[in-house]
N, C-alpha and C. Protein backbone atom coordinates (compact mmCIF):
# COMPACT_ATOMS: atom_id res chain seq x y z
N GLU A 1 1.64 17.53 -11.24
CA GLU A 1 2.09 17.30 -9.88
C GLU A 1 1.68 15.89 -9.44
N VAL A 2 2.65 15.13 -8.99
CA VAL A 2 2.36 13.79 -8.52
C VAL A 2 1.61 13.85 -7.19
N GLN A 3 0.50 13.12 -7.14
CA GLN A 3 -0.26 13.05 -5.89
C GLN A 3 -0.68 11.62 -5.64
N LEU A 4 -0.59 11.23 -4.39
CA LEU A 4 -1.06 9.92 -3.93
C LEU A 4 -1.91 10.18 -2.69
N VAL A 5 -3.17 9.77 -2.76
CA VAL A 5 -4.10 10.07 -1.68
C VAL A 5 -4.69 8.77 -1.15
N GLU A 6 -4.40 8.48 0.10
CA GLU A 6 -4.91 7.27 0.74
C GLU A 6 -6.25 7.55 1.42
N SER A 7 -7.05 6.51 1.50
CA SER A 7 -8.30 6.58 2.25
C SER A 7 -8.67 5.17 2.69
N GLY A 8 -9.61 5.10 3.63
CA GLY A 8 -10.14 3.80 4.04
C GLY A 8 -9.66 3.29 5.38
N GLY A 9 -8.78 4.01 6.02
CA GLY A 9 -8.32 3.58 7.33
C GLY A 9 -9.42 3.73 8.37
N GLY A 10 -9.14 3.23 9.58
CA GLY A 10 -10.11 3.35 10.66
C GLY A 10 -9.81 2.42 11.80
N LEU A 11 -10.79 2.30 12.68
CA LEU A 11 -10.68 1.43 13.85
C LEU A 11 -11.52 0.18 13.61
N VAL A 12 -10.92 -0.97 13.83
CA VAL A 12 -11.61 -2.23 13.61
C VAL A 12 -11.18 -3.22 14.67
N GLN A 13 -12.06 -4.15 14.99
CA GLN A 13 -11.71 -5.19 15.96
C GLN A 13 -10.85 -6.26 15.29
N ALA A 14 -10.08 -6.95 16.10
CA ALA A 14 -9.28 -8.06 15.59
C ALA A 14 -10.19 -9.06 14.87
N GLY A 15 -9.71 -9.52 13.72
CA GLY A 15 -10.49 -10.42 12.89
C GLY A 15 -11.31 -9.72 11.84
N GLY A 16 -11.41 -8.41 11.94
CA GLY A 16 -12.20 -7.64 10.99
C GLY A 16 -11.44 -7.33 9.72
N SER A 17 -12.07 -6.52 8.87
CA SER A 17 -11.52 -6.19 7.56
C SER A 17 -11.60 -4.70 7.29
N LEU A 18 -10.68 -4.23 6.49
CA LEU A 18 -10.69 -2.87 5.97
C LEU A 18 -10.17 -2.92 4.54
N ARG A 19 -10.60 -1.96 3.73
CA ARG A 19 -10.03 -1.80 2.39
C ARG A 19 -9.49 -0.40 2.25
N LEU A 20 -8.20 -0.33 2.01
CA LEU A 20 -7.54 0.95 1.77
C LEU A 20 -7.52 1.24 0.28
N SER A 21 -7.62 2.52 -0.06
CA SER A 21 -7.53 2.96 -1.44
C SER A 21 -6.41 3.98 -1.58
N CYS A 22 -5.74 3.95 -2.72
CA CYS A 22 -4.70 4.92 -3.04
C CYS A 22 -5.01 5.48 -4.42
N ALA A 23 -5.47 6.72 -4.46
CA ALA A 23 -5.79 7.38 -5.73
C ALA A 23 -4.57 8.15 -6.21
N ALA A 24 -4.11 7.83 -7.42
CA ALA A 24 -2.88 8.41 -7.95
C ALA A 24 -3.19 9.38 -9.09
N SER A 25 -2.39 10.43 -9.18
CA SER A 25 -2.53 11.38 -10.29
C SER A 25 -1.19 12.05 -10.54
N GLY A 26 -1.08 12.66 -11.71
CA GLY A 26 0.13 13.40 -12.05
C GLY A 26 1.23 12.61 -12.70
N PHE A 27 0.98 11.32 -12.99
CA PHE A 27 1.96 10.51 -13.70
C PHE A 27 1.22 9.41 -14.44
N THR A 28 1.92 8.75 -15.34
CA THR A 28 1.31 7.69 -16.14
C THR A 28 1.20 6.44 -15.28
N PHE A 29 0.04 6.20 -14.78
CA PHE A 29 -0.20 5.17 -13.76
C PHE A 29 0.29 3.80 -14.22
N ASP A 30 0.05 3.46 -15.47
CA ASP A 30 0.37 2.12 -15.96
C ASP A 30 1.88 1.84 -16.00
N ASP A 31 2.68 2.88 -15.94
CA ASP A 31 4.13 2.71 -16.09
C ASP A 31 4.86 2.44 -14.77
N TYR A 32 4.15 2.53 -13.66
CA TYR A 32 4.84 2.49 -12.37
C TYR A 32 4.24 1.45 -11.43
N ALA A 33 5.12 0.94 -10.57
CA ALA A 33 4.64 0.15 -9.45
C ALA A 33 4.03 1.10 -8.40
N ILE A 34 3.15 0.56 -7.61
CA ILE A 34 2.59 1.28 -6.46
C ILE A 34 2.75 0.37 -5.25
N GLY A 35 3.16 0.95 -4.16
CA GLY A 35 3.38 0.14 -2.97
C GLY A 35 2.62 0.64 -1.77
N TRP A 36 2.29 -0.30 -0.89
CA TRP A 36 1.73 0.02 0.42
C TRP A 36 2.79 -0.27 1.48
N PHE A 37 3.03 0.71 2.33
CA PHE A 37 3.99 0.58 3.41
C PHE A 37 3.28 0.96 4.70
N ARG A 38 3.85 0.56 5.82
CA ARG A 38 3.24 0.93 7.09
C ARG A 38 4.31 1.24 8.12
N GLN A 39 3.93 2.07 9.07
CA GLN A 39 4.84 2.42 10.15
C GLN A 39 4.08 2.45 11.46
N ALA A 40 4.47 1.58 12.35
CA ALA A 40 3.89 1.53 13.68
C ALA A 40 4.72 2.41 14.62
N PRO A 41 4.13 2.88 15.71
CA PRO A 41 4.88 3.72 16.65
C PRO A 41 6.15 3.05 17.13
N GLY A 42 7.26 3.77 17.03
CA GLY A 42 8.53 3.25 17.50
C GLY A 42 9.19 2.25 16.59
N LYS A 43 8.59 2.01 15.42
CA LYS A 43 9.15 1.03 14.49
C LYS A 43 9.49 1.68 13.16
N GLU A 44 10.34 1.01 12.40
CA GLU A 44 10.70 1.51 11.08
C GLU A 44 9.57 1.25 10.08
N ARG A 45 9.55 2.08 9.05
CA ARG A 45 8.58 1.87 7.98
C ARG A 45 8.94 0.60 7.23
N GLU A 46 7.93 -0.19 6.89
CA GLU A 46 8.17 -1.46 6.22
C GLU A 46 7.23 -1.64 5.04
N GLY A 47 7.71 -2.39 4.06
CA GLY A 47 6.88 -2.70 2.91
C GLY A 47 5.85 -3.75 3.25
N VAL A 48 4.61 -3.50 2.88
CA VAL A 48 3.51 -4.43 3.12
C VAL A 48 3.16 -5.19 1.85
N SER A 49 2.92 -4.44 0.78
CA SER A 49 2.54 -5.07 -0.48
C SER A 49 2.75 -4.07 -1.61
N CYS A 50 3.19 -4.57 -2.74
CA CYS A 50 3.42 -3.73 -3.90
C CYS A 50 2.87 -4.41 -5.15
N ILE A 51 2.57 -3.60 -6.16
CA ILE A 51 2.02 -4.15 -7.39
C ILE A 51 2.53 -3.36 -8.58
N SER A 52 2.80 -4.07 -9.66
CA SER A 52 3.13 -3.41 -10.93
C SER A 52 1.83 -3.27 -11.70
N SER A 53 1.45 -2.04 -12.00
CA SER A 53 0.20 -1.81 -12.72
C SER A 53 0.25 -2.39 -14.13
N SER A 54 1.44 -2.51 -14.69
CA SER A 54 1.56 -2.96 -16.08
C SER A 54 1.26 -4.44 -16.25
N ASP A 55 1.77 -5.27 -15.34
CA ASP A 55 1.58 -6.71 -15.52
C ASP A 55 0.94 -7.38 -14.32
N GLY A 56 0.61 -6.61 -13.29
CA GLY A 56 -0.08 -7.18 -12.14
C GLY A 56 0.78 -7.98 -11.19
N SER A 57 2.10 -7.99 -11.39
CA SER A 57 2.95 -8.75 -10.47
C SER A 57 2.92 -8.10 -9.10
N THR A 58 3.02 -8.91 -8.08
CA THR A 58 2.84 -8.43 -6.72
C THR A 58 3.91 -8.94 -5.76
N TYR A 59 3.96 -8.27 -4.63
CA TYR A 59 4.81 -8.66 -3.51
C TYR A 59 3.97 -8.54 -2.24
N TYR A 60 4.16 -9.48 -1.35
CA TYR A 60 3.54 -9.40 -0.03
C TYR A 60 4.59 -9.70 1.04
N ALA A 61 4.56 -8.92 2.09
CA ALA A 61 5.39 -9.26 3.24
C ALA A 61 4.88 -10.56 3.86
N ASP A 62 5.77 -11.32 4.44
CA ASP A 62 5.38 -12.61 5.03
C ASP A 62 4.29 -12.43 6.09
N SER A 63 4.33 -11.32 6.80
CA SER A 63 3.39 -11.10 7.89
C SER A 63 1.95 -10.90 7.41
N VAL A 64 1.76 -10.62 6.14
CA VAL A 64 0.40 -10.35 5.64
C VAL A 64 -0.05 -11.33 4.57
N LYS A 65 0.82 -12.24 4.17
CA LYS A 65 0.45 -13.21 3.14
C LYS A 65 -0.76 -14.02 3.58
N GLY A 66 -1.71 -14.16 2.66
CA GLY A 66 -2.91 -14.91 2.96
C GLY A 66 -4.00 -14.10 3.62
N ARG A 67 -3.67 -12.88 4.06
CA ARG A 67 -4.66 -12.03 4.72
C ARG A 67 -4.93 -10.75 3.93
N PHE A 68 -3.92 -10.21 3.29
CA PHE A 68 -4.04 -8.97 2.53
C PHE A 68 -3.99 -9.27 1.04
N THR A 69 -4.73 -8.48 0.27
CA THR A 69 -4.71 -8.60 -1.19
C THR A 69 -4.60 -7.22 -1.80
N ILE A 70 -3.61 -7.06 -2.67
CA ILE A 70 -3.44 -5.80 -3.38
C ILE A 70 -4.01 -5.94 -4.78
N SER A 71 -4.63 -4.87 -5.27
CA SER A 71 -5.18 -4.89 -6.62
C SER A 71 -5.09 -3.49 -7.21
N SER A 72 -5.19 -3.44 -8.53
CA SER A 72 -5.04 -2.18 -9.24
C SER A 72 -6.18 -2.02 -10.22
N ASP A 73 -6.81 -0.85 -10.20
CA ASP A 73 -7.83 -0.50 -11.20
C ASP A 73 -7.22 0.59 -12.07
N ASN A 74 -6.67 0.18 -13.20
CA ASN A 74 -5.96 1.14 -14.05
C ASN A 74 -6.89 2.19 -14.64
N ALA A 75 -8.16 1.88 -14.81
CA ALA A 75 -9.12 2.86 -15.34
C ALA A 75 -9.35 3.99 -14.35
N LYS A 76 -9.20 3.68 -13.08
CA LYS A 76 -9.42 4.68 -12.03
C LYS A 76 -8.13 5.21 -11.43
N ASN A 77 -6.99 4.71 -11.93
CA ASN A 77 -5.69 5.10 -11.36
C ASN A 77 -5.68 4.92 -9.84
N THR A 78 -6.17 3.79 -9.41
CA THR A 78 -6.32 3.53 -7.98
C THR A 78 -5.80 2.13 -7.65
N VAL A 79 -5.10 2.04 -6.54
CA VAL A 79 -4.64 0.76 -6.01
C VAL A 79 -5.33 0.52 -4.68
N TYR A 80 -5.76 -0.70 -4.48
CA TYR A 80 -6.48 -1.07 -3.26
C TYR A 80 -5.65 -2.06 -2.44
N LEU A 81 -5.87 -2.02 -1.15
CA LEU A 81 -5.31 -3.04 -0.26
C LEU A 81 -6.45 -3.57 0.60
N GLN A 82 -6.89 -4.77 0.26
CA GLN A 82 -7.94 -5.43 1.05
C GLN A 82 -7.26 -6.15 2.20
N MET A 83 -7.64 -5.79 3.40
CA MET A 83 -7.01 -6.36 4.60
C MET A 83 -8.05 -7.15 5.38
N ASN A 84 -7.86 -8.44 5.45
CA ASN A 84 -8.76 -9.33 6.18
C ASN A 84 -8.05 -9.94 7.38
N SER A 85 -8.82 -10.50 8.28
CA SER A 85 -8.27 -11.15 9.47
C SER A 85 -7.25 -10.26 10.17
N LEU A 86 -7.63 -9.03 10.37
CA LEU A 86 -6.70 -8.06 10.94
C LEU A 86 -6.31 -8.43 12.36
N LYS A 87 -5.08 -8.11 12.71
CA LYS A 87 -4.52 -8.40 14.02
C LYS A 87 -4.08 -7.09 14.67
N PRO A 88 -4.00 -7.05 15.98
CA PRO A 88 -3.52 -5.83 16.65
C PRO A 88 -2.16 -5.38 16.15
N GLU A 89 -1.32 -6.32 15.76
CA GLU A 89 0.01 -5.95 15.27
C GLU A 89 -0.02 -5.32 13.87
N ASP A 90 -1.18 -5.29 13.23
CA ASP A 90 -1.32 -4.57 11.96
C ASP A 90 -1.55 -3.08 12.18
N THR A 91 -1.73 -2.67 13.42
CA THR A 91 -1.95 -1.26 13.74
C THR A 91 -0.75 -0.43 13.31
N ALA A 92 -1.01 0.58 12.50
CA ALA A 92 0.06 1.42 11.96
C ALA A 92 -0.56 2.52 11.10
N VAL A 93 0.27 3.46 10.71
CA VAL A 93 -0.11 4.38 9.64
C VAL A 93 0.31 3.72 8.33
N TYR A 94 -0.63 3.64 7.41
CA TYR A 94 -0.39 3.00 6.12
C TYR A 94 -0.22 4.08 5.06
N TYR A 95 0.85 3.95 4.29
CA TYR A 95 1.17 4.90 3.24
C TYR A 95 1.19 4.19 1.88
N CYS A 96 0.74 4.88 0.85
CA CYS A 96 1.03 4.37 -0.48
C CYS A 96 2.13 5.24 -1.10
N ALA A 97 2.86 4.65 -2.01
CA ALA A 97 4.02 5.31 -2.57
C ALA A 97 4.27 4.83 -3.99
N ALA A 98 5.03 5.64 -4.73
CA ALA A 98 5.37 5.30 -6.11
C ALA A 98 6.84 5.64 -6.37
N PRO A 99 7.52 4.84 -7.18
CA PRO A 99 8.93 5.07 -7.51
C PRO A 99 9.08 5.94 -8.76
N ILE A 100 8.69 7.22 -8.64
CA ILE A 100 8.60 8.09 -9.81
C ILE A 100 9.98 8.30 -10.46
N ALA A 101 11.05 8.28 -9.68
CA ALA A 101 12.37 8.55 -10.25
C ALA A 101 12.81 7.46 -11.21
N ASP A 102 12.27 6.26 -11.05
CA ASP A 102 12.72 5.16 -11.90
C ASP A 102 11.57 4.19 -12.14
N PRO A 103 10.93 4.28 -13.31
CA PRO A 103 9.79 3.39 -13.59
C PRO A 103 10.18 1.94 -13.77
N SER A 104 11.47 1.63 -13.80
CA SER A 104 11.88 0.24 -13.95
C SER A 104 11.70 -0.56 -12.67
N TYR A 105 11.54 0.14 -11.54
CA TYR A 105 11.33 -0.59 -10.30
C TYR A 105 10.03 -1.37 -10.40
N HIS A 106 10.08 -2.60 -9.95
CA HIS A 106 8.99 -3.52 -10.19
C HIS A 106 8.22 -3.82 -8.93
N GLY A 107 6.96 -4.07 -9.07
CA GLY A 107 6.11 -4.34 -7.92
C GLY A 107 6.45 -5.61 -7.19
N SER A 108 7.29 -6.43 -7.77
CA SER A 108 7.63 -7.69 -7.11
C SER A 108 8.73 -7.52 -6.06
N SER A 109 9.31 -6.30 -5.94
CA SER A 109 10.42 -6.13 -5.00
C SER A 109 10.02 -5.36 -3.75
N CYS A 110 9.33 -4.23 -3.89
CA CYS A 110 8.77 -3.52 -2.74
C CYS A 110 9.83 -3.06 -1.74
N LEU A 111 10.92 -2.52 -2.26
CA LEU A 111 11.99 -2.04 -1.40
C LEU A 111 11.77 -0.57 -1.07
N LEU A 112 11.89 -0.23 0.19
CA LEU A 112 11.56 1.11 0.67
C LEU A 112 12.33 2.18 -0.09
N TYR A 113 13.62 1.98 -0.31
CA TYR A 113 14.44 3.03 -0.91
C TYR A 113 14.07 3.33 -2.36
N GLU A 114 13.33 2.43 -3.00
CA GLU A 114 12.95 2.63 -4.40
C GLU A 114 11.83 3.65 -4.55
N TYR A 115 11.12 3.94 -3.49
CA TYR A 115 9.90 4.74 -3.57
C TYR A 115 10.18 6.16 -3.09
N ASP A 116 9.87 7.13 -3.95
CA ASP A 116 10.22 8.51 -3.64
C ASP A 116 9.04 9.47 -3.54
N TYR A 117 7.86 9.04 -3.91
CA TYR A 117 6.67 9.87 -3.73
C TYR A 117 5.70 9.14 -2.81
N TRP A 118 5.20 9.88 -1.82
CA TRP A 118 4.41 9.27 -0.76
C TRP A 118 3.12 10.02 -0.53
N GLY A 119 2.09 9.29 -0.15
CA GLY A 119 0.87 9.92 0.30
C GLY A 119 1.00 10.38 1.74
N GLN A 120 -0.08 10.92 2.26
CA GLN A 120 -0.06 11.49 3.61
C GLN A 120 -0.27 10.43 4.69
N GLY A 121 -0.72 9.26 4.28
CA GLY A 121 -0.93 8.17 5.23
C GLY A 121 -2.35 8.11 5.76
N THR A 122 -2.75 6.91 6.15
CA THR A 122 -4.06 6.70 6.76
C THR A 122 -3.87 5.75 7.95
N GLN A 123 -4.50 6.09 9.06
CA GLN A 123 -4.32 5.32 10.29
C GLN A 123 -5.20 4.08 10.28
N VAL A 124 -4.60 2.96 10.60
CA VAL A 124 -5.33 1.71 10.81
C VAL A 124 -5.08 1.27 12.25
N THR A 125 -6.15 1.10 13.00
CA THR A 125 -6.04 0.67 14.39
C THR A 125 -6.88 -0.58 14.58
N VAL A 126 -6.23 -1.64 15.06
CA VAL A 126 -6.92 -2.91 15.27
C VAL A 126 -6.94 -3.18 16.77
N SER A 127 -8.13 -3.25 17.32
CA SER A 127 -8.26 -3.47 18.76
C SER A 127 -8.39 -4.96 19.05
N SER A 128 -7.89 -5.35 20.20
CA SER A 128 -7.92 -6.77 20.58
C SER A 128 -9.19 -7.12 21.34
């Protein structure tokens, strides 16, 4: 059974940092990209950052470039999202996801429709 479990969310002041974790199981971790997406109240879900576990290629949304870093620990089947210099507009529920239906999807694209398995989400709240 495919499972993606996020952790690490919380409340932080603007300028602070959080590290999100996504623990994956039930599939061959090295064969798939893993993505971080977020959804703020009243807004559509958007891609934040994605990574290919096989070659480490990554994607970052323009809004987080230079502040967020995605990484993969293949030994632990876990993907991390280090979030620095957080802003109130980063407030959202953060989800990790995997494109289980098609392992050819690459971490350099991070398109929402490519991802079909999702975690339960973790809340990130950044206060001003």
